[in-house]
Amino acid sequence: MTPDVISPYQKSSYSGQQGNCVEIAATANGGRAVRDSKDRTRPSLHFTPAQWQAFLTGTKEEAS
């Protein structure tokens, strides 16, 4: 069972106007839901809080 999305989906302010973006929303269990902004009818990917934190940590390490 996937947790309920409890906030509006948002896309990064770094995204351009082309629509090639992902959008992220908070979920009821403290995790995140991620969807493709080009096709919002497709299912979202859901991440637990620990999975989301691991993703953020990994991307920060890659950026430095």
N, C-alpha and C. Protein backbone atom coordinates (compact mmCIF):
# COMPACT_ATOMS: atom_id res chain seq x y z
N MET A 1 0.84 -1.18 0.00
CA MET A 1 0.00 0.00 0.00
C MET A 1 0.89 1.25 0.00
N THR A 2 0.56 2.20 -0.83
CA THR A 2 1.34 3.43 -0.90
C THR A 2 0.72 4.48 0.01
N PRO A 3 1.55 5.28 0.67
CA PRO A 3 1.01 6.31 1.56
C PRO A 3 0.35 7.44 0.78
N ASP A 4 -0.60 8.09 1.43
CA ASP A 4 -1.31 9.20 0.81
C ASP A 4 -0.39 10.40 0.62
N VAL A 5 -0.56 11.07 -0.51
CA VAL A 5 0.14 12.33 -0.77
C VAL A 5 -0.59 13.41 0.01
N ILE A 6 0.16 14.19 0.82
CA ILE A 6 -0.49 15.18 1.70
C ILE A 6 -0.14 16.62 1.36
N SER A 7 0.65 16.83 0.32
CA SER A 7 0.98 18.20 -0.08
C SER A 7 0.89 18.30 -1.59
N PRO A 8 0.75 19.50 -2.11
CA PRO A 8 0.75 19.64 -3.57
C PRO A 8 2.10 19.22 -4.15
N TYR A 9 2.07 18.66 -5.34
CA TYR A 9 3.33 18.36 -6.04
C TYR A 9 3.99 19.68 -6.42
N GLN A 10 5.31 19.70 -6.31
CA GLN A 10 6.09 20.89 -6.68
C GLN A 10 7.24 20.47 -7.57
N LYS A 11 7.59 21.35 -8.49
CA LYS A 11 8.80 21.07 -9.27
C LYS A 11 9.86 22.10 -8.91
N SER A 12 11.08 21.75 -9.18
CA SER A 12 12.21 22.59 -8.80
C SER A 12 12.15 23.94 -9.50
N SER A 13 12.61 24.95 -8.79
CA SER A 13 12.72 26.28 -9.40
C SER A 13 13.81 26.30 -10.47
N TYR A 14 14.67 25.29 -10.49
CA TYR A 14 15.72 25.17 -11.50
C TYR A 14 15.18 24.59 -12.81
N SER A 15 13.95 24.09 -12.79
CA SER A 15 13.37 23.51 -13.99
C SER A 15 13.05 24.59 -15.00
N GLY A 16 13.24 24.26 -16.25
CA GLY A 16 12.89 25.19 -17.32
C GLY A 16 11.41 25.11 -17.64
N GLN A 17 11.01 25.76 -18.69
CA GLN A 17 9.61 25.78 -19.10
C GLN A 17 9.27 24.67 -20.09
N GLN A 18 10.24 23.82 -20.43
CA GLN A 18 10.01 22.76 -21.40
C GLN A 18 9.10 21.66 -20.88
N GLY A 19 8.96 21.52 -19.57
CA GLY A 19 8.10 20.50 -19.01
C GLY A 19 8.79 19.16 -18.80
N ASN A 20 10.09 19.11 -18.98
CA ASN A 20 10.84 17.87 -18.77
C ASN A 20 11.33 17.81 -17.33
N CYS A 21 10.41 17.61 -16.41
CA CYS A 21 10.74 17.72 -14.99
C CYS A 21 10.10 16.60 -14.20
N VAL A 22 10.56 16.46 -12.98
CA VAL A 22 9.87 15.62 -12.01
C VAL A 22 9.25 16.54 -10.98
N GLU A 23 8.19 16.07 -10.37
CA GLU A 23 7.52 16.82 -9.32
C GLU A 23 7.52 15.97 -8.06
N ILE A 24 7.64 16.61 -6.92
CA ILE A 24 7.78 15.92 -5.64
C ILE A 24 6.71 16.42 -4.67
N ALA A 25 6.14 15.48 -3.89
CA ALA A 25 5.15 15.82 -2.87
C ALA A 25 5.44 15.02 -1.61
N ALA A 26 5.07 15.57 -0.47
CA ALA A 26 5.20 14.86 0.80
C ALA A 26 4.11 13.81 0.91
N THR A 27 4.43 12.73 1.64
CA THR A 27 3.44 11.68 1.88
C THR A 27 3.14 11.58 3.38
N ALA A 28 2.07 10.90 3.70
CA ALA A 28 1.59 10.82 5.08
C ALA A 28 2.59 10.15 6.02
N ASN A 29 3.46 9.28 5.50
CA ASN A 29 4.43 8.60 6.36
C ASN A 29 5.75 9.37 6.48
N GLY A 30 5.80 10.59 5.94
CA GLY A 30 7.02 11.40 6.02
C GLY A 30 7.95 11.20 4.84
N GLY A 31 7.57 10.36 3.91
CA GLY A 31 8.37 10.12 2.71
C GLY A 31 8.02 11.10 1.61
N ARG A 32 8.31 10.70 0.39
CA ARG A 32 8.02 11.55 -0.76
C ARG A 32 7.46 10.73 -1.90
N ALA A 33 6.62 11.37 -2.71
CA ALA A 33 6.11 10.80 -3.95
C ALA A 33 6.72 11.62 -5.08
N VAL A 34 7.11 10.95 -6.14
CA VAL A 34 7.75 11.60 -7.28
C VAL A 34 6.99 11.20 -8.54
N ARG A 35 6.69 12.19 -9.39
CA ARG A 35 5.99 11.89 -10.65
C ARG A 35 6.61 12.67 -11.79
N ASP A 36 6.31 12.23 -12.99
CA ASP A 36 6.79 12.86 -14.22
C ASP A 36 5.83 14.00 -14.59
N SER A 37 6.35 15.20 -14.73
CA SER A 37 5.49 16.34 -15.04
C SER A 37 4.90 16.28 -16.45
N LYS A 38 5.52 15.50 -17.33
CA LYS A 38 5.00 15.38 -18.70
C LYS A 38 3.78 14.47 -18.79
N ASP A 39 3.67 13.52 -17.85
CA ASP A 39 2.57 12.56 -17.89
C ASP A 39 2.09 12.29 -16.48
N ARG A 40 1.26 13.16 -15.98
CA ARG A 40 0.78 13.08 -14.60
C ARG A 40 -0.23 11.95 -14.39
N THR A 41 -0.66 11.29 -15.46
CA THR A 41 -1.59 10.18 -15.31
C THR A 41 -0.88 8.89 -14.92
N ARG A 42 0.41 8.83 -15.09
CA ARG A 42 1.17 7.64 -14.71
C ARG A 42 1.32 7.58 -13.19
N PRO A 43 1.49 6.40 -12.64
CA PRO A 43 1.65 6.28 -11.18
C PRO A 43 2.90 6.99 -10.68
N SER A 44 2.82 7.48 -9.47
CA SER A 44 3.97 8.10 -8.81
C SER A 44 4.86 7.03 -8.22
N LEU A 45 6.13 7.37 -8.06
CA LEU A 45 7.05 6.53 -7.30
C LEU A 45 7.00 7.00 -5.86
N HIS A 46 6.95 6.08 -4.92
CA HIS A 46 6.86 6.45 -3.51
C HIS A 46 8.11 5.97 -2.78
N PHE A 47 8.65 6.85 -1.92
CA PHE A 47 9.86 6.58 -1.18
C PHE A 47 9.61 6.76 0.31
N THR A 48 10.12 5.85 1.12
CA THR A 48 10.02 5.99 2.57
C THR A 48 10.91 7.16 3.00
N PRO A 49 10.75 7.63 4.25
CA PRO A 49 11.64 8.69 4.71
C PRO A 49 13.13 8.30 4.62
N ALA A 50 13.46 7.06 4.98
CA ALA A 50 14.87 6.62 4.92
C ALA A 50 15.37 6.57 3.48
N GLN A 51 14.55 6.09 2.56
CA GLN A 51 14.95 6.05 1.15
C GLN A 51 15.16 7.45 0.60
N TRP A 52 14.28 8.37 0.96
CA TRP A 52 14.39 9.74 0.46
C TRP A 52 15.65 10.41 1.02
N GLN A 53 15.93 10.18 2.30
CA GLN A 53 17.13 10.75 2.91
C GLN A 53 18.38 10.19 2.24
N ALA A 54 18.40 8.90 1.96
CA ALA A 54 19.54 8.29 1.28
C ALA A 54 19.73 8.90 -0.12
N PHE A 55 18.64 9.15 -0.82
CA PHE A 55 18.73 9.79 -2.13
C PHE A 55 19.32 11.19 -2.02
N LEU A 56 18.83 11.98 -1.07
CA LEU A 56 19.33 13.33 -0.90
C LEU A 56 20.81 13.33 -0.54
N THR A 57 21.20 12.44 0.37
CA THR A 57 22.60 12.33 0.77
C THR A 57 23.47 11.97 -0.43
N GLY A 58 23.02 11.02 -1.22
CA GLY A 58 23.77 10.61 -2.40
C GLY A 58 23.92 11.70 -3.43
N THR A 59 22.86 12.48 -3.65
CA THR A 59 22.97 13.54 -4.65
C THR A 59 23.86 14.68 -4.16
N LYS A 60 23.84 14.95 -2.87
CA LYS A 60 24.72 15.99 -2.32
C LYS A 60 26.18 15.57 -2.44
N GLU A 61 26.45 14.28 -2.20
CA GLU A 61 27.83 13.78 -2.33
C GLU A 61 28.31 13.86 -3.78
N GLU A 62 27.43 13.56 -4.72
CA GLU A 62 27.78 13.63 -6.14
C GLU A 62 28.03 15.07 -6.58
N ALA A 63 27.33 16.01 -5.99
CA ALA A 63 27.45 17.42 -6.39
C ALA A 63 28.74 18.05 -5.87
N SER A 64 29.31 17.49 -4.83
CA SER A 64 30.52 18.12 -4.27
C SER A 64 31.79 17.56 -4.85
